[in-house]
Amino acid sequence: MSKIVTRESIQTMLENKDPLFVAAVVGKALVVLLNNQTRDEAASNVTNQHNGVGFTGADAYSGSLTAKSFLKNKTLLPWQVDKWTKPGKSGYARLSKYHKQLNEAAMAKKVTHV
């Protein structure tokens, strides 16, 4: 199977001119990552198990709170989107470092919809 989500495809979606579209992409991606956290991690907004899924320790607090905000409000505020779309040292948005997990979720969703 080919990849659905790559760093490049995330970057392309985040460069869309429609801010509501970008907010939805960021929000939905963060919800996937929140769901990958252990139950305890998601409840406490931290990462304490370095198992390669969910948020990194540096992103756990803000990522968890932003995902929960998206679930509650169905959108994100511009400053919340900016944190995840701002390019890092790699030149890619912060959200793009999670491309492997997001691809796994997309592939699993694709399999269940076939």
N, C-alpha and C. Protein backbone atom coordinates (compact mmCIF):
# COMPACT_ATOMS: atom_id res chain seq x y z
N MET A 1 0.83 -1.19 0.00
CA MET A 1 0.00 0.00 0.00
C MET A 1 0.87 1.24 0.00
N SER A 2 0.42 2.23 -0.69
CA SER A 2 1.17 3.48 -0.73
C SER A 2 0.77 4.37 0.45
N LYS A 3 1.59 5.34 0.71
CA LYS A 3 1.32 6.26 1.81
C LYS A 3 0.23 7.24 1.40
N ILE A 4 -0.60 7.59 2.36
CA ILE A 4 -1.63 8.59 2.16
C ILE A 4 -1.14 9.93 2.70
N VAL A 5 -0.51 9.89 3.86
CA VAL A 5 -0.05 11.10 4.52
C VAL A 5 1.48 11.11 4.57
N THR A 6 2.06 12.18 4.07
CA THR A 6 3.50 12.38 4.11
C THR A 6 3.77 13.78 4.66
N ARG A 7 5.03 14.05 4.96
CA ARG A 7 5.38 15.42 5.38
C ARG A 7 4.94 16.44 4.33
N GLU A 8 5.19 16.07 3.09
CA GLU A 8 4.86 16.98 1.99
C GLU A 8 3.36 17.19 1.85
N SER A 9 2.58 16.13 2.01
CA SER A 9 1.13 16.28 1.88
C SER A 9 0.55 17.10 3.03
N ILE A 10 1.12 16.93 4.22
CA ILE A 10 0.69 17.77 5.35
C ILE A 10 1.02 19.22 5.06
N GLN A 11 2.24 19.46 4.61
CA GLN A 11 2.66 20.82 4.32
C GLN A 11 1.75 21.47 3.27
N THR A 12 1.40 20.72 2.25
CA THR A 12 0.52 21.24 1.20
C THR A 12 -0.84 21.61 1.78
N MET A 13 -1.40 20.75 2.63
CA MET A 13 -2.70 21.06 3.24
C MET A 13 -2.62 22.30 4.13
N LEU A 14 -1.51 22.46 4.83
CA LEU A 14 -1.37 23.59 5.74
C LEU A 14 -1.11 24.90 5.01
N GLU A 15 -0.73 24.81 3.75
CA GLU A 15 -0.51 26.02 2.95
C GLU A 15 -1.77 26.49 2.24
N ASN A 16 -2.87 25.77 2.45
CA ASN A 16 -4.16 26.15 1.85
C ASN A 16 -4.54 27.55 2.32
N LYS A 17 -5.16 28.32 1.46
CA LYS A 17 -5.50 29.71 1.77
C LYS A 17 -6.75 29.84 2.65
N ASP A 18 -7.51 28.77 2.80
CA ASP A 18 -8.74 28.81 3.59
C ASP A 18 -8.41 28.50 5.06
N PRO A 19 -8.49 29.50 5.95
CA PRO A 19 -8.11 29.28 7.34
C PRO A 19 -9.00 28.26 8.06
N LEU A 20 -10.25 28.12 7.65
CA LEU A 20 -11.12 27.12 8.28
C LEU A 20 -10.69 25.71 7.90
N PHE A 21 -10.25 25.54 6.66
CA PHE A 21 -9.75 24.25 6.21
C PHE A 21 -8.49 23.87 6.99
N VAL A 22 -7.58 24.81 7.12
CA VAL A 22 -6.32 24.56 7.83
C VAL A 22 -6.60 24.25 9.31
N ALA A 23 -7.51 25.00 9.92
CA ALA A 23 -7.87 24.74 11.32
C ALA A 23 -8.44 23.33 11.47
N ALA A 24 -9.25 22.90 10.51
CA ALA A 24 -9.82 21.55 10.56
C ALA A 24 -8.75 20.48 10.40
N VAL A 25 -7.80 20.71 9.50
CA VAL A 25 -6.70 19.75 9.31
C VAL A 25 -5.90 19.62 10.60
N VAL A 26 -5.53 20.74 11.19
CA VAL A 26 -4.74 20.73 12.42
C VAL A 26 -5.54 20.07 13.54
N GLY A 27 -6.78 20.47 13.70
CA GLY A 27 -7.61 19.93 14.76
C GLY A 27 -7.80 18.43 14.66
N LYS A 28 -8.14 17.95 13.47
CA LYS A 28 -8.35 16.52 13.28
C LYS A 28 -7.07 15.72 13.50
N ALA A 29 -5.96 16.27 13.06
CA ALA A 29 -4.67 15.59 13.26
C ALA A 29 -4.33 15.52 14.74
N LEU A 30 -4.56 16.59 15.47
CA LEU A 30 -4.26 16.59 16.90
C LEU A 30 -5.16 15.62 17.66
N VAL A 31 -6.39 15.47 17.22
CA VAL A 31 -7.29 14.51 17.85
C VAL A 31 -6.77 13.08 17.64
N VAL A 32 -6.26 12.80 16.43
CA VAL A 32 -5.65 11.48 16.18
C VAL A 32 -4.51 11.24 17.16
N LEU A 33 -3.66 12.24 17.32
CA LEU A 33 -2.51 12.10 18.22
C LEU A 33 -2.96 11.97 19.67
N LEU A 34 -3.97 12.73 20.06
CA LEU A 34 -4.51 12.61 21.41
C LEU A 34 -5.04 11.20 21.65
N ASN A 35 -5.72 10.65 20.66
CA ASN A 35 -6.24 9.29 20.78
C ASN A 35 -5.13 8.24 20.83
N ASN A 36 -3.95 8.59 20.34
CA ASN A 36 -2.81 7.68 20.41
C ASN A 36 -2.12 7.72 21.78
N GLN A 37 -2.40 8.75 22.56
CA GLN A 37 -1.84 8.83 23.90
C GLN A 37 -2.48 7.72 24.75
N THR A 38 -1.79 7.31 25.80
CA THR A 38 -2.44 6.39 26.74
C THR A 38 -3.56 7.15 27.44
N ARG A 39 -4.45 6.43 28.06
CA ARG A 39 -5.57 7.07 28.76
C ARG A 39 -5.07 8.03 29.83
N ASP A 40 -4.06 7.61 30.59
CA ASP A 40 -3.51 8.47 31.64
C ASP A 40 -2.85 9.72 31.06
N GLU A 41 -2.12 9.54 29.96
CA GLU A 41 -1.45 10.68 29.33
C GLU A 41 -2.48 11.69 28.82
N ALA A 42 -3.52 11.20 28.17
CA ALA A 42 -4.55 12.09 27.64
C ALA A 42 -5.26 12.84 28.76
N ALA A 43 -5.50 12.16 29.86
CA ALA A 43 -6.20 12.79 30.98
C ALA A 43 -5.35 13.86 31.66
N SER A 44 -4.04 13.64 31.70
CA SER A 44 -3.16 14.57 32.41
C SER A 44 -2.40 15.52 31.48
N ASN A 45 -2.61 15.40 30.17
CA ASN A 45 -1.97 16.29 29.18
C ASN A 45 -0.45 16.22 29.20
N VAL A 46 0.08 15.03 29.42
CA VAL A 46 1.53 14.82 29.43
C VAL A 46 1.86 13.56 28.64
N THR A 47 3.14 13.40 28.39
CA THR A 47 3.65 12.14 27.82
C THR A 47 4.60 11.57 28.86
N ASN A 48 4.29 10.38 29.36
CA ASN A 48 5.19 9.76 30.32
C ASN A 48 5.65 8.38 29.86
N GLN A 49 5.13 7.93 28.73
CA GLN A 49 5.60 6.68 28.13
C GLN A 49 6.17 7.01 26.76
N HIS A 50 7.42 6.74 26.58
CA HIS A 50 8.07 7.05 25.30
C HIS A 50 7.95 5.83 24.40
N ASN A 51 6.73 5.67 23.85
CA ASN A 51 6.40 4.49 23.06
C ASN A 51 6.28 4.78 21.57
N GLY A 52 6.63 6.00 21.17
CA GLY A 52 6.61 6.34 19.76
C GLY A 52 5.24 6.68 19.19
N VAL A 53 4.25 6.76 20.05
CA VAL A 53 2.91 7.15 19.59
C VAL A 53 2.38 8.28 20.45
N GLY A 54 1.47 9.03 19.89
CA GLY A 54 0.95 10.20 20.58
C GLY A 54 1.92 11.36 20.44
N PHE A 55 1.79 12.30 21.33
CA PHE A 55 2.63 13.50 21.30
C PHE A 55 4.00 13.24 21.90
N THR A 56 4.99 13.99 21.43
CA THR A 56 6.29 14.00 22.10
C THR A 56 6.11 14.73 23.43
N GLY A 57 7.06 14.57 24.31
CA GLY A 57 6.99 15.25 25.60
C GLY A 57 6.85 16.75 25.46
N ALA A 58 7.55 17.32 24.50
CA ALA A 58 7.52 18.78 24.31
C ALA A 58 6.16 19.27 23.81
N ASP A 59 5.42 18.42 23.12
CA ASP A 59 4.14 18.84 22.54
C ASP A 59 2.92 18.34 23.30
N ALA A 60 3.12 17.50 24.31
CA ALA A 60 1.99 16.83 24.96
C ALA A 60 0.99 17.80 25.58
N TYR A 61 1.47 18.78 26.31
CA TYR A 61 0.56 19.69 27.01
C TYR A 61 -0.26 20.52 26.02
N SER A 62 0.43 21.23 25.15
CA SER A 62 -0.30 22.10 24.21
C SER A 62 -1.10 21.28 23.19
N GLY A 63 -0.55 20.17 22.76
CA GLY A 63 -1.26 19.34 21.79
C GLY A 63 -2.54 18.76 22.36
N SER A 64 -2.44 18.26 23.59
CA SER A 64 -3.63 17.69 24.24
C SER A 64 -4.71 18.75 24.45
N LEU A 65 -4.31 19.90 24.98
CA LEU A 65 -5.29 20.96 25.22
C LEU A 65 -5.90 21.47 23.92
N THR A 66 -5.09 21.59 22.89
CA THR A 66 -5.61 22.07 21.60
C THR A 66 -6.55 21.05 20.98
N ALA A 67 -6.21 19.77 21.07
CA ALA A 67 -7.10 18.72 20.55
C ALA A 67 -8.43 18.73 21.30
N LYS A 68 -8.38 18.88 22.61
CA LYS A 68 -9.61 18.92 23.41
C LYS A 68 -10.43 20.16 23.08
N SER A 69 -9.76 21.26 22.81
CA SER A 69 -10.45 22.49 22.40
C SER A 69 -11.15 22.27 21.06
N PHE A 70 -10.48 21.60 20.13
CA PHE A 70 -11.09 21.31 18.83
C PHE A 70 -12.31 20.41 18.99
N LEU A 71 -12.21 19.39 19.83
CA LEU A 71 -13.35 18.50 20.05
C LEU A 71 -14.54 19.26 20.63
N LYS A 72 -14.27 20.21 21.50
CA LYS A 72 -15.34 20.97 22.14
C LYS A 72 -15.94 22.03 21.21
N ASN A 73 -15.08 22.75 20.48
CA ASN A 73 -15.52 23.91 19.70
C ASN A 73 -15.65 23.66 18.20
N LYS A 74 -15.15 22.53 17.72
CA LYS A 74 -15.19 22.15 16.29
C LYS A 74 -14.36 23.08 15.40
N THR A 75 -13.53 23.92 16.02
CA THR A 75 -12.60 24.76 15.28
C THR A 75 -11.49 25.17 16.24
N LEU A 76 -10.49 25.86 15.71
CA LEU A 76 -9.38 26.35 16.52
C LEU A 76 -9.21 27.84 16.30
N LEU A 77 -8.64 28.50 17.27
CA LEU A 77 -8.33 29.92 17.14
C LEU A 77 -7.05 30.07 16.32
N PRO A 78 -6.87 31.21 15.66
CA PRO A 78 -5.68 31.40 14.82
C PRO A 78 -4.36 31.13 15.54
N TRP A 79 -4.21 31.54 16.79
CA TRP A 79 -2.95 31.31 17.50
C TRP A 79 -2.72 29.83 17.74
N GLN A 80 -3.80 29.05 17.90
CA GLN A 80 -3.64 27.61 18.09
C GLN A 80 -3.15 26.96 16.79
N VAL A 81 -3.70 27.41 15.68
CA VAL A 81 -3.28 26.89 14.37
C VAL A 81 -1.84 27.28 14.09
N ASP A 82 -1.49 28.52 14.39
CA ASP A 82 -0.14 29.03 14.12
C ASP A 82 0.94 28.18 14.79
N LYS A 83 0.69 27.74 16.00
CA LYS A 83 1.68 26.93 16.72
C LYS A 83 2.03 25.67 15.95
N TRP A 84 1.06 25.07 15.29
CA TRP A 84 1.26 23.79 14.61
C TRP A 84 1.63 23.94 13.15
N THR A 85 1.43 25.12 12.58
CA THR A 85 1.76 25.33 11.16
C THR A 85 3.07 26.08 10.96
N LYS A 86 3.60 26.65 12.02
CA LYS A 86 4.87 27.40 11.92
C LYS A 86 6.01 26.45 11.55
N PRO A 87 6.79 26.81 10.55
CA PRO A 87 7.91 25.93 10.15
C PRO A 87 8.98 25.85 11.24
N GLY A 88 9.51 24.67 11.40
CA GLY A 88 10.60 24.44 12.35
C GLY A 88 11.93 24.45 11.64
N LYS A 89 12.95 23.93 12.28
CA LYS A 89 14.29 23.87 11.71
C LYS A 89 14.33 23.09 10.40
N SER A 90 13.46 22.11 10.30
CA SER A 90 13.41 21.28 9.09
C SER A 90 12.79 22.00 7.90
N GLY A 91 12.13 23.13 8.18
CA GLY A 91 11.41 23.83 7.12
C GLY A 91 9.96 23.39 7.01
N TYR A 92 9.62 22.33 7.72
CA TYR A 92 8.25 21.81 7.74
C TYR A 92 7.52 22.28 8.99
N ALA A 93 6.21 22.31 8.92
CA ALA A 93 5.40 22.67 10.07
C ALA A 93 5.59 21.67 11.20
N ARG A 94 5.40 22.14 12.42
CA ARG A 94 5.53 21.27 13.61
C ARG A 94 4.67 20.02 13.47
N LEU A 95 3.47 20.17 12.94
CA LEU A 95 2.55 19.04 12.81
C LEU A 95 3.12 17.94 11.92
N SER A 96 3.97 18.31 10.97
CA SER A 96 4.46 17.33 10.00
C SER A 96 5.37 16.26 10.62
N LYS A 97 5.93 16.52 11.81
CA LYS A 97 6.78 15.50 12.42
C LYS A 97 5.98 14.27 12.84
N TYR A 98 4.68 14.39 12.85
CA TYR A 98 3.80 13.28 13.21
C TYR A 98 3.24 12.55 11.99
N HIS A 99 3.84 12.75 10.83
CA HIS A 99 3.29 12.21 9.59
C HIS A 99 3.14 10.70 9.61
N LYS A 100 4.05 9.99 10.26
CA LYS A 100 3.94 8.52 10.27
C LYS A 100 2.70 8.06 11.03
N GLN A 101 2.46 8.65 12.19
CA GLN A 101 1.26 8.29 12.95
C GLN A 101 -0.02 8.67 12.20
N LEU A 102 0.01 9.83 11.56
CA LEU A 102 -1.17 10.28 10.82
C LEU A 102 -1.41 9.40 9.60
N ASN A 103 -0.33 8.93 8.98
CA ASN A 103 -0.48 8.01 7.86
C ASN A 103 -1.07 6.68 8.33
N GLU A 104 -0.59 6.18 9.46
CA GLU A 104 -1.12 4.92 9.99
C GLU A 104 -2.62 5.04 10.26
N ALA A 105 -3.03 6.17 10.81
CA ALA A 105 -4.46 6.39 11.09
C ALA A 105 -5.26 6.47 9.79
N ALA A 106 -4.69 7.15 8.79
CA ALA A 106 -5.38 7.26 7.50
C ALA A 106 -5.50 5.91 6.82
N MET A 107 -4.43 5.12 6.90
CA MET A 107 -4.47 3.78 6.31
C MET A 107 -5.49 2.90 7.01
N ALA A 108 -5.55 2.98 8.33
CA ALA A 108 -6.52 2.17 9.09
C ALA A 108 -7.94 2.60 8.74
N LYS A 109 -8.15 3.88 8.57
CA LYS A 109 -9.48 4.39 8.21
C LYS A 109 -9.85 3.92 6.81
N LYS A 110 -8.88 3.93 5.91
CA LYS A 110 -9.12 3.50 4.53
C LYS A 110 -9.52 2.02 4.49
N VAL A 111 -8.84 1.20 5.29
CA VAL A 111 -9.12 -0.23 5.32
C VAL A 111 -10.54 -0.49 5.85
N THR A 112 -10.96 0.26 6.85
CA THR A 112 -12.29 0.05 7.42
C THR A 112 -13.40 0.55 6.53
N HIS A 113 -13.08 1.41 5.57
CA HIS A 113 -14.09 1.97 4.66
C HIS A 113 -14.14 1.25 3.32
N VAL A 114 -13.35 0.22 3.14
CA VAL A 114 -13.33 -0.49 1.86
C VAL A 114 -14.44 -1.52 1.82
